[in-house]
C-alpha atoms as a PDB file:
ATOM      1  CA  UNK A   1      11.242  29.996  -1.672  1.00  0.00           C
ATOM      2  CA  UNK A   2       8.752  32.730  -2.308  1.00  0.00           C
ATOM      3  CA  UNK A   3       5.127  32.765  -1.802  1.00  0.00           C
ATOM      4  CA  UNK A   4       3.028  29.496  -2.595  1.00  0.00           C
ATOM      5  CA  UNK A   5       1.017  29.523  -5.837  1.00  0.00           C
ATOM      6  CA  UNK A   6      -2.710  30.842  -5.354  1.00  0.00           C
ATOM      7  CA  UNK A   7      -4.041  27.373  -6.946  1.00  0.00           C
ATOM      8  CA  UNK A   8      -2.493  24.715  -4.737  1.00  0.00           C
ATOM      9  CA  UNK A   9      -2.760  22.129  -7.704  1.00  0.00           C
ATOM     10  CA  UNK A  10       0.054  24.143  -9.404  1.00  0.00           C
ATOM     11  CA  UNK A  11       2.597  23.532  -6.632  1.00  0.00           C
ATOM     12  CA  UNK A  12       5.549  21.613  -7.993  1.00  0.00           C
ATOM     13  CA  UNK A  13       4.961  18.675  -5.979  1.00  0.00           C
ATOM     14  CA  UNK A  14       1.385  18.107  -6.981  1.00  0.00           C
ATOM     15  CA  UNK A  15       2.610  19.016 -10.467  1.00  0.00           C
ATOM     16  CA  UNK A  16      -0.853  20.164 -11.977  1.00  0.00           C
ATOM     17  CA  UNK A  17      -2.285  16.875 -11.044  1.00  0.00           C
ATOM     18  CA  UNK A  18       0.019  15.279 -13.444  1.00  0.00           C
ATOM     19  CA  UNK A  19       1.224  11.855 -11.647  1.00  0.00           C
ATOM     20  CA  UNK A  20       0.313   8.469 -12.174  1.00  0.00           C
ATOM     21  CA  UNK A  21      -1.940   6.308  -9.861  1.00  0.00           C
ATOM     22  CA  UNK A  22      -4.937   4.238 -10.126  1.00  0.00           C
ATOM     23  CA  UNK A  23      -7.655   5.563 -12.384  1.00  0.00           C
ATOM     24  CA  UNK A  24     -11.474   4.395 -12.602  1.00  0.00           C
ATOM     25  CA  UNK A  25     -10.629   1.588 -14.848  1.00  0.00           C
ATOM     26  CA  UNK A  26      -7.963   0.115 -12.418  1.00  0.00           C
ATOM     27  CA  UNK A  27     -10.279   0.596  -9.391  1.00  0.00           C
ATOM     28  CA  UNK A  28     -13.097  -1.245 -11.369  1.00  0.00           C
ATOM     29  CA  UNK A  29     -10.559  -3.897 -12.072  1.00  0.00           C
ATOM     30  CA  UNK A  30      -9.950  -4.326  -8.301  1.00  0.00           C
ATOM     31  CA  UNK A  31     -13.628  -4.535  -7.658  1.00  0.00           C
ATOM     32  CA  UNK A  32     -13.849  -7.394 -10.147  1.00  0.00           C
ATOM     33  CA  UNK A  33     -11.028  -9.167  -9.022  1.00  0.00           C
ATOM     34  CA  UNK A  34     -12.610  -9.162  -5.261  1.00  0.00           C
ATOM     35  CA  UNK A  35     -15.831 -10.545  -6.467  1.00  0.00           C
ATOM     36  CA  UNK A  36     -14.442 -13.134  -8.860  1.00  0.00           C
ATOM     37  CA  UNK A  37     -12.174 -14.487  -6.334  1.00  0.00           C
ATOM     38  CA  UNK A  38     -14.207 -13.734  -3.165  1.00  0.00           C
ATOM     39  CA  UNK A  39     -11.360 -11.946  -1.521  1.00  0.00           C
ATOM     40  CA  UNK A  40     -11.215  -8.616   0.304  1.00  0.00           C
ATOM     41  CA  UNK A  41      -8.352  -6.141  -0.503  1.00  0.00           C
ATOM     42  CA  UNK A  42      -7.137  -4.996   2.824  1.00  0.00           C
ATOM     43  CA  UNK A  43      -4.922  -2.136   1.605  1.00  0.00           C
ATOM     44  CA  UNK A  44      -3.152  -0.205  -1.151  1.00  0.00           C
ATOM     45  CA  UNK A  45       0.333   1.446  -0.952  1.00  0.00           C
ATOM     46  CA  UNK A  46       1.966   3.494  -3.561  1.00  0.00           C
ATOM     47  CA  UNK A  47       5.371   5.379  -3.838  1.00  0.00           C
ATOM     48  CA  UNK A  48       3.436   8.655  -4.965  1.00  0.00           C
ATOM     49  CA  UNK A  49       1.590  11.716  -3.917  1.00  0.00           C
ATOM     50  CA  UNK A  50      -1.665   9.851  -3.856  1.00  0.00           C
ATOM     51  CA  UNK A  51      -3.076   6.379  -4.774  1.00  0.00           C
ATOM     52  CA  UNK A  52      -5.249   8.083  -7.273  1.00  0.00           C
ATOM     53  CA  UNK A  53      -3.902   9.413 -10.389  1.00  0.00           C
ATOM     54  CA  UNK A  54      -3.936  13.024 -10.935  1.00  0.00           C
ATOM     55  CA  UNK A  55      -6.258  12.776 -13.799  1.00  0.00           C
ATOM     56  CA  UNK A  56      -8.777  10.563 -11.830  1.00  0.00           C
ATOM     57  CA  UNK A  57      -8.646  13.521  -9.345  1.00  0.00           C
ATOM     58  CA  UNK A  58     -10.295  15.956 -11.922  1.00  0.00           C
ATOM     59  CA  UNK A  59     -13.624  13.668 -12.265  1.00  0.00           C
ATOM     60  CA  UNK A  60     -15.676  12.515 -14.959  1.00  0.00           C
ATOM     61  CA  UNK A  61     -15.662  15.849 -16.601  1.00  0.00           C
ATOM     62  CA  UNK A  62     -11.971  16.671 -16.165  1.00  0.00           C
ATOM     63  CA  UNK A  63     -12.645  19.608 -14.552  1.00  0.00           C
ATOM     64  CA  UNK A  64     -13.782  19.293 -10.996  1.00  0.00           C
ATOM     65  CA  UNK A  65     -10.902  18.200  -8.605  1.00  0.00           C
ATOM     66  CA  UNK A  66     -13.157  18.078  -5.646  1.00  0.00           C
ATOM     67  CA  UNK A  67     -16.224  16.350  -7.228  1.00  0.00           C
ATOM     68  CA  UNK A  68     -16.722  12.773  -8.247  1.00  0.00           C
ATOM     69  CA  UNK A  69     -13.187  11.839  -8.987  1.00  0.00           C
ATOM     70  CA  UNK A  70     -10.730  10.304  -6.558  1.00  0.00           C
ATOM     71  CA  UNK A  71     -11.934   6.655  -7.457  1.00  0.00           C
ATOM     72  CA  UNK A  72      -9.133   4.751  -5.521  1.00  0.00           C
ATOM     73  CA  UNK A  73      -9.868   6.846  -2.250  1.00  0.00           C
ATOM     74  CA  UNK A  74     -13.658   6.208  -2.681  1.00  0.00           C
ATOM     75  CA  UNK A  75     -13.041   2.531  -3.311  1.00  0.00           C
ATOM     76  CA  UNK A  76     -10.603   2.245  -0.435  1.00  0.00           C
ATOM     77  CA  UNK A  77     -12.475   4.336   2.148  1.00  0.00           C
ATOM     78  CA  UNK A  78     -15.893   2.616   1.696  1.00  0.00           C
ATOM     79  CA  UNK A  79     -14.408  -0.759   2.417  1.00  0.00           C
ATOM     80  CA  UNK A  80     -12.484   0.062   5.408  1.00  0.00           C
ATOM     81  CA  UNK A  81      -9.158  -0.363   3.340  1.00  0.00           C
ATOM     82  CA  UNK A  82      -5.935   1.128   4.349  1.00  0.00           C
ATOM     83  CA  UNK A  83      -4.472   3.567   2.050  1.00  0.00           C
ATOM     84  CA  UNK A  84      -0.673   4.343   2.298  1.00  0.00           C
ATOM     85  CA  UNK A  85       0.658   6.976   0.124  1.00  0.00           C
ATOM     86  CA  UNK A  86       4.602   7.945  -0.429  1.00  0.00           C
ATOM     87  CA  UNK A  87       5.508   4.457   0.460  1.00  0.00           C
ATOM     88  CA  UNK A  88       9.153   4.291  -0.818  1.00  0.00           C
ATOM     89  CA  UNK A  89      11.235   1.233  -1.266  1.00  0.00           C
ATOM     90  CA  UNK A  90       8.238  -1.286  -1.834  1.00  0.00           C
ATOM     91  CA  UNK A  91      10.119  -3.201  -4.790  1.00  0.00           C
ATOM     92  CA  UNK A  92      11.101  -5.817  -2.240  1.00  0.00           C
ATOM     93  CA  UNK A  93       7.526  -6.758  -1.768  1.00  0.00           C
ATOM     94  CA  UNK A  94       7.088  -7.697  -5.437  1.00  0.00           C
ATOM     95  CA  UNK A  95      10.172  -9.865  -5.291  1.00  0.00           C
ATOM     96  CA  UNK A  96       9.289 -11.641  -2.155  1.00  0.00           C
ATOM     97  CA  UNK A  97       5.477 -12.279  -2.855  1.00  0.00           C
ATOM     98  CA  UNK A  98       3.998 -14.101   0.102  1.00  0.00           C
ATOM     99  CA  UNK A  99       6.852 -13.671   2.359  1.00  0.00           C
ATOM    100  CA  UNK A 100       6.512 -10.254   3.435  1.00  0.00           C
ATOM    101  CA  UNK A 101       4.427  -8.867   6.468  1.00  0.00           C
ATOM    102  CA  UNK A 102       3.617  -5.103   6.216  1.00  0.00           C
ATOM    103  CA  UNK A 103       2.821  -3.261   9.679  1.00  0.00           C
ATOM    104  CA  UNK A 104       1.490   0.323   9.217  1.00  0.00           C
ATOM    105  CA  UNK A 105       0.889   2.231  12.729  1.00  0.00           C
ATOM    106  CA  UNK A 106      -0.799   5.545  12.230  1.00  0.00           C
ATOM    107  CA  UNK A 107      -1.595   8.138  14.866  1.00  0.00           C
ATOM    108  CA  UNK A 108      -5.346   8.459  15.259  1.00  0.00           C
ATOM    109  CA  UNK A 109      -6.202  12.117  14.796  1.00  0.00           C
ATOM    110  CA  UNK A 110      -9.695  13.743  15.804  1.00  0.00           C
ATOM    111  CA  UNK A 111     -11.594  15.155  12.694  1.00  0.00           C
ATOM    112  CA  UNK A 112      -8.667  14.182  10.263  1.00  0.00           C
ATOM    113  CA  UNK A 113      -8.719  12.180   7.131  1.00  0.00           C
ATOM    114  CA  UNK A 114      -5.050  11.581   7.149  1.00  0.00           C
ATOM    115  CA  UNK A 115      -2.156  10.914   9.582  1.00  0.00           C
ATOM    116  CA  UNK A 116       1.509  10.192   9.263  1.00  0.00           C
ATOM    117  CA  UNK A 117       2.230   6.557   9.677  1.00  0.00           C
ATOM    118  CA  UNK A 118       5.047   4.369  10.729  1.00  0.00           C
ATOM    119  CA  UNK A 119       5.587   1.483   7.989  1.00  0.00           C
ATOM    120  CA  UNK A 120       7.725  -1.610   8.766  1.00  0.00           C
ATOM    121  CA  UNK A 121       8.172  -4.379   6.290  1.00  0.00           C
ATOM    122  CA  UNK A 122       9.468  -7.569   7.416  1.00  0.00           C
ATOM    123  CA  UNK A 123      10.412 -10.250   4.411  1.00  0.00           C
ATOM    124  CA  UNK A 124      11.922 -13.607   5.160  1.00  0.00           C
ATOM    125  CA  UNK A 125      14.002 -15.415   2.449  1.00  0.00           C
ATOM    126  CA  UNK A 126      12.995 -18.541   1.085  1.00  0.00           C
ATOM    127  CA  UNK A 127      16.356 -20.155   2.767  1.00  0.00           C
ATOM    128  CA  UNK A 128      15.476 -18.820   6.183  1.00  0.00           C
ATOM    129  CA  UNK A 129      11.806 -20.385   5.863  1.00  0.00           C
ATOM    130  CA  UNK A 130      13.527 -23.693   4.999  1.00  0.00           C
ATOM    131  CA  UNK A 131      15.759 -23.757   7.975  1.00  0.00           C
ATOM    132  CA  UNK A 132      12.754 -22.574  10.186  1.00  0.00           C
ATOM    133  CA  UNK A 133      10.817 -25.563   9.108  1.00  0.00           C
ATOM    134  CA  UNK A 134      13.936 -27.984   9.728  1.00  0.00           C
ATOM    135  CA  UNK A 135      14.642 -26.511  13.005  1.00  0.00           C
ATOM    136  CA  UNK A 136      11.109 -27.003  14.226  1.00  0.00           C
ATOM    137  CA  UNK A 137      10.236 -30.155  12.518  1.00  0.00           C
ATOM    138  CA  UNK A 138      13.136 -32.390  13.921  1.00  0.00           C
ATOM    139  CA  UNK A 139      14.025 -32.473  17.633  1.00  0.00           C
ATOM    140  CA  UNK A 140      17.474 -32.651  18.988  1.00  0.00           C
ATOM    141  CA  UNK A 141      18.764 -36.191  19.567  1.00  0.00           C
ATOM    142  CA  UNK A 142      20.009 -37.200  23.172  1.00  0.00           C
ATOM    143  CA  UNK A 143      23.217 -38.862  22.826  1.00  0.00           C
ATOM    144  CA  UNK A 144      24.383 -41.320  25.624  1.00  0.00           C
ATOM    145  CA  UNK A 145      27.684 -40.912  27.251  1.00  0.00           C
ATOM    146  CA  UNK A 146      29.150 -44.056  24.726  1.00  0.00           C
ATOM    147  CA  UNK A 147      31.290 -43.127  21.755  1.00  0.00           C
ATOM    148  CA  UNK A 148      31.208 -45.118  18.598  1.00  0.00           C
END
């Protein structure tokens, strides 16, 4: 493996802050949607190193990775939003819109901004939902001992 690079942003996993994610324009659009619809976004999950794009991490001047960037983190953390990173296999959530529940359990660590989490997603199919409605809607009919 060798020695790690002196600049942590040059690590192959971080790829010189060259990865997709939410930039400033995307975060402003989320805020606009919240205000227009009167809703609150409770969480953002991405199958990526960060919910922020590497470019947004560089800040407004493009040179300050620890300064005024990280817009998605600012958006989420100031609103009490859950931020899930490296969340793989999320494609089924988009396919089953409105029929999935996501449960994230994170360990609460003292003086930490991040923690490992276990994430469980449960999606019910449309067919199962119809069966459940029928099952609960109709009561079994008692039959008498007579045939015929």
